[in-house]
N, C-alpha and C. Protein backbone atom coordinates (compact mmCIF):
# COMPACT_ATOMS: atom_id res chain seq x y z
N UNK A 1 13.56 -4.75 1.57
CA UNK A 1 12.85 -3.71 2.30
C UNK A 1 11.35 -4.02 2.17
N UNK A 2 10.71 -4.20 3.32
CA UNK A 2 9.26 -4.42 3.32
C UNK A 2 8.58 -3.34 4.12
N UNK A 3 7.34 -3.05 3.74
CA UNK A 3 6.56 -2.07 4.46
C UNK A 3 5.08 -2.38 4.38
N UNK A 4 4.38 -1.97 5.41
CA UNK A 4 2.93 -2.04 5.42
C UNK A 4 2.42 -0.63 5.16
N UNK A 5 1.48 -0.50 4.25
CA UNK A 5 0.89 0.80 3.95
C UNK A 5 -0.57 0.74 4.37
N UNK A 6 -0.92 1.56 5.35
CA UNK A 6 -2.30 1.67 5.80
C UNK A 6 -2.96 2.72 4.92
N UNK A 7 -4.07 2.36 4.31
CA UNK A 7 -4.70 3.21 3.30
C UNK A 7 -6.09 3.63 3.75
N UNK A 8 -6.34 4.93 3.75
CA UNK A 8 -7.68 5.46 3.97
C UNK A 8 -8.33 5.70 2.63
N UNK A 9 -9.62 5.44 2.54
CA UNK A 9 -10.33 5.61 1.26
C UNK A 9 -11.55 6.51 1.44
N UNK A 10 -12.04 6.97 0.31
CA UNK A 10 -13.32 7.69 0.31
C UNK A 10 -14.41 6.71 0.74
N UNK A 11 -15.51 7.22 1.24
CA UNK A 11 -16.63 6.38 1.65
C UNK A 11 -17.09 5.54 0.46
N UNK A 12 -17.17 4.24 0.69
CA UNK A 12 -17.65 3.32 -0.34
C UNK A 12 -16.61 2.90 -1.37
N UNK A 13 -15.36 3.35 -1.21
CA UNK A 13 -14.35 3.06 -2.23
C UNK A 13 -13.38 1.94 -1.84
N UNK A 14 -13.54 1.34 -0.68
CA UNK A 14 -12.58 0.34 -0.21
C UNK A 14 -12.44 -0.83 -1.17
N UNK A 15 -13.54 -1.33 -1.70
CA UNK A 15 -13.47 -2.48 -2.61
C UNK A 15 -12.71 -2.13 -3.88
N UNK A 16 -12.99 -0.98 -4.47
CA UNK A 16 -12.31 -0.57 -5.70
C UNK A 16 -10.82 -0.31 -5.43
N UNK A 17 -10.50 0.29 -4.30
CA UNK A 17 -9.10 0.55 -3.96
C UNK A 17 -8.38 -0.77 -3.75
N UNK A 18 -9.00 -1.72 -3.07
CA UNK A 18 -8.39 -3.04 -2.87
C UNK A 18 -8.06 -3.68 -4.21
N UNK A 19 -8.99 -3.65 -5.14
CA UNK A 19 -8.76 -4.23 -6.47
C UNK A 19 -7.62 -3.50 -7.19
N UNK A 20 -7.57 -2.18 -7.05
CA UNK A 20 -6.50 -1.40 -7.66
C UNK A 20 -5.14 -1.76 -7.08
N UNK A 21 -5.09 -1.94 -5.77
CA UNK A 21 -3.83 -2.31 -5.12
C UNK A 21 -3.37 -3.69 -5.56
N UNK A 22 -4.29 -4.61 -5.74
CA UNK A 22 -3.95 -5.96 -6.17
C UNK A 22 -3.36 -5.97 -7.58
N UNK A 23 -3.67 -4.95 -8.38
CA UNK A 23 -3.20 -4.89 -9.76
C UNK A 23 -1.87 -4.15 -9.92
N UNK A 24 -1.31 -3.63 -8.85
CA UNK A 24 -0.04 -2.92 -8.96
C UNK A 24 1.05 -3.88 -9.43
N UNK A 25 1.72 -3.49 -10.49
CA UNK A 25 2.84 -4.27 -11.00
C UNK A 25 3.95 -3.30 -11.37
N UNK A 26 5.07 -3.38 -10.66
CA UNK A 26 6.23 -2.60 -11.00
C UNK A 26 7.43 -3.53 -11.05
N UNK A 27 8.47 -3.09 -11.71
CA UNK A 27 9.65 -3.93 -11.89
C UNK A 27 10.36 -4.22 -10.58
N UNK A 28 10.39 -3.25 -9.67
CA UNK A 28 11.20 -3.41 -8.47
C UNK A 28 10.39 -3.44 -7.17
N UNK A 29 9.08 -3.52 -7.26
CA UNK A 29 8.26 -3.57 -6.05
C UNK A 29 7.18 -4.63 -6.23
N UNK A 30 7.01 -5.43 -5.22
CA UNK A 30 6.04 -6.54 -5.27
C UNK A 30 4.98 -6.35 -4.19
N UNK A 31 3.73 -6.57 -4.55
CA UNK A 31 2.63 -6.56 -3.59
C UNK A 31 2.57 -7.94 -2.96
N UNK A 32 2.80 -8.02 -1.65
CA UNK A 32 2.77 -9.30 -0.95
C UNK A 32 1.38 -9.66 -0.47
N UNK A 33 0.61 -8.67 -0.03
CA UNK A 33 -0.76 -8.93 0.42
C UNK A 33 -1.56 -7.63 0.42
N UNK A 34 -2.86 -7.79 0.27
CA UNK A 34 -3.80 -6.67 0.35
C UNK A 34 -4.99 -7.16 1.17
N UNK A 35 -5.31 -6.43 2.24
CA UNK A 35 -6.42 -6.81 3.10
C UNK A 35 -7.31 -5.61 3.38
N UNK A 36 -8.60 -5.79 3.25
CA UNK A 36 -9.57 -4.79 3.66
C UNK A 36 -9.79 -4.99 5.16
N UNK A 37 -9.75 -3.90 5.92
CA UNK A 37 -9.82 -3.99 7.38
C UNK A 37 -10.84 -2.99 7.91
N UNK A 38 -11.13 -3.11 9.19
CA UNK A 38 -11.99 -2.14 9.86
C UNK A 38 -11.14 -1.24 10.74
N UNK A 39 -11.65 -0.11 11.09
CA UNK A 39 -10.92 0.80 11.96
C UNK A 39 -10.63 2.12 11.27
N UNK A 40 -9.59 2.79 11.71
CA UNK A 40 -9.25 4.10 11.18
C UNK A 40 -8.86 4.03 9.71
N UNK A 41 -8.24 2.94 9.29
CA UNK A 41 -7.86 2.76 7.88
C UNK A 41 -8.76 1.68 7.28
N UNK A 42 -8.82 1.67 5.96
CA UNK A 42 -9.74 0.77 5.26
C UNK A 42 -9.06 -0.42 4.60
N UNK A 43 -7.80 -0.23 4.22
CA UNK A 43 -7.06 -1.28 3.51
C UNK A 43 -5.62 -1.26 4.01
N UNK A 44 -5.02 -2.45 4.13
CA UNK A 44 -3.60 -2.56 4.43
C UNK A 44 -2.95 -3.36 3.31
N UNK A 45 -1.88 -2.79 2.74
CA UNK A 45 -1.14 -3.48 1.69
C UNK A 45 0.30 -3.66 2.16
N UNK A 46 0.83 -4.87 1.95
CA UNK A 46 2.22 -5.13 2.28
C UNK A 46 3.02 -5.14 0.98
N UNK A 47 4.07 -4.32 0.94
CA UNK A 47 4.91 -4.19 -0.24
C UNK A 47 6.33 -4.62 0.08
N UNK A 48 7.04 -5.09 -0.95
CA UNK A 48 8.45 -5.43 -0.81
C UNK A 48 9.19 -4.85 -2.00
N UNK A 49 10.32 -4.20 -1.71
CA UNK A 49 11.12 -3.59 -2.77
C UNK A 49 12.59 -3.80 -2.45
N UNK A 50 13.44 -3.56 -3.45
CA UNK A 50 14.88 -3.72 -3.28
C UNK A 50 15.49 -2.61 -2.43
N UNK A 51 14.87 -1.44 -2.41
CA UNK A 51 15.42 -0.32 -1.65
C UNK A 51 14.30 0.55 -1.09
N UNK A 52 14.66 1.41 -0.16
CA UNK A 52 13.70 2.35 0.40
C UNK A 52 13.19 3.31 -0.67
N UNK A 53 14.07 3.74 -1.56
CA UNK A 53 13.65 4.64 -2.64
C UNK A 53 12.61 4.00 -3.55
N UNK A 54 12.81 2.73 -3.89
CA UNK A 54 11.86 2.04 -4.75
C UNK A 54 10.53 1.81 -4.03
N UNK A 55 10.60 1.52 -2.75
CA UNK A 55 9.38 1.37 -1.97
C UNK A 55 8.63 2.70 -1.92
N UNK A 56 9.34 3.77 -1.65
CA UNK A 56 8.72 5.09 -1.63
C UNK A 56 8.12 5.48 -2.96
N UNK A 57 8.80 5.15 -4.04
CA UNK A 57 8.28 5.44 -5.37
C UNK A 57 6.97 4.69 -5.62
N UNK A 58 6.92 3.43 -5.23
CA UNK A 58 5.69 2.64 -5.41
C UNK A 58 4.54 3.23 -4.62
N UNK A 59 4.83 3.70 -3.42
CA UNK A 59 3.77 4.28 -2.58
C UNK A 59 3.26 5.59 -3.18
N UNK A 60 4.18 6.47 -3.58
CA UNK A 60 3.75 7.78 -4.08
C UNK A 60 3.20 7.73 -5.50
N UNK A 61 3.74 6.84 -6.33
CA UNK A 61 3.32 6.81 -7.74
C UNK A 61 2.23 5.78 -8.03
N UNK A 62 2.16 4.73 -7.23
CA UNK A 62 1.19 3.66 -7.51
C UNK A 62 0.06 3.60 -6.49
N UNK A 63 0.39 3.55 -5.21
CA UNK A 63 -0.65 3.43 -4.18
C UNK A 63 -1.45 4.71 -4.05
N UNK A 64 -0.77 5.82 -3.83
CA UNK A 64 -1.45 7.09 -3.53
C UNK A 64 -2.24 7.64 -4.70
N UNK A 65 -1.95 7.19 -5.91
CA UNK A 65 -2.65 7.72 -7.09
C UNK A 65 -3.88 6.90 -7.49
N UNK A 66 -4.17 5.83 -6.77
CA UNK A 66 -5.36 5.04 -7.07
C UNK A 66 -6.60 5.87 -6.71
N UNK A 67 -7.55 5.90 -7.61
CA UNK A 67 -8.79 6.65 -7.38
C UNK A 67 -9.49 6.15 -6.13
N UNK A 68 -9.81 7.05 -5.23
CA UNK A 68 -10.50 6.70 -3.99
C UNK A 68 -9.59 6.70 -2.78
N UNK A 69 -8.26 6.71 -2.98
CA UNK A 69 -7.32 6.77 -1.86
C UNK A 69 -7.27 8.20 -1.33
N UNK A 70 -7.45 8.35 -0.03
CA UNK A 70 -7.40 9.69 0.58
C UNK A 70 -6.16 9.90 1.44
N UNK A 71 -5.70 8.84 2.12
CA UNK A 71 -4.52 8.96 2.98
C UNK A 71 -3.73 7.67 2.96
N UNK A 72 -2.43 7.78 3.28
CA UNK A 72 -1.60 6.60 3.48
C UNK A 72 -0.72 6.82 4.70
N UNK A 73 -0.39 5.74 5.36
CA UNK A 73 0.56 5.75 6.47
C UNK A 73 1.44 4.53 6.27
N UNK A 74 2.75 4.74 6.15
CA UNK A 74 3.67 3.65 5.88
C UNK A 74 4.40 3.24 7.14
N UNK A 75 4.44 1.93 7.38
CA UNK A 75 5.15 1.35 8.50
C UNK A 75 6.22 0.42 7.93
N UNK A 76 7.49 0.78 8.10
CA UNK A 76 8.58 -0.03 7.58
C UNK A 76 8.88 -1.20 8.50
N UNK A 77 9.20 -2.34 7.92
CA UNK A 77 9.56 -3.51 8.69
C UNK A 77 11.04 -3.39 9.05
N UNK A 78 11.36 -3.61 10.34
CA UNK A 78 12.74 -3.56 10.81
C UNK A 78 13.12 -4.89 11.44
N UNK A 79 14.40 -5.21 11.39
CA UNK A 79 14.91 -6.42 12.01
C UNK A 79 15.66 -6.03 13.27
N UNK A 80 15.17 -6.43 14.41
CA UNK A 80 15.77 -6.04 15.69
C UNK A 80 16.71 -7.11 16.27
N UNK A 81 17.00 -8.14 15.50
CA UNK A 81 17.87 -9.20 16.04
C UNK A 81 19.34 -8.86 15.88
């Protein structure tokens, strides 16, 4: 299960949030990439987990609790083949 999490941050907090996201380490969820972007969101992180529950847990317990994070929007990867 992979997902992209679009992260909104407080003004001036994008760099610190990016560093916080890069440091996430959980047993069942892996950070594949972290990119600072322009637009409505400030950072995009790609996560991979064994299940939807584990992915959700990483988002609510690890991503959303980083200081400076104000909003998240999760986009799940689907296979249409």
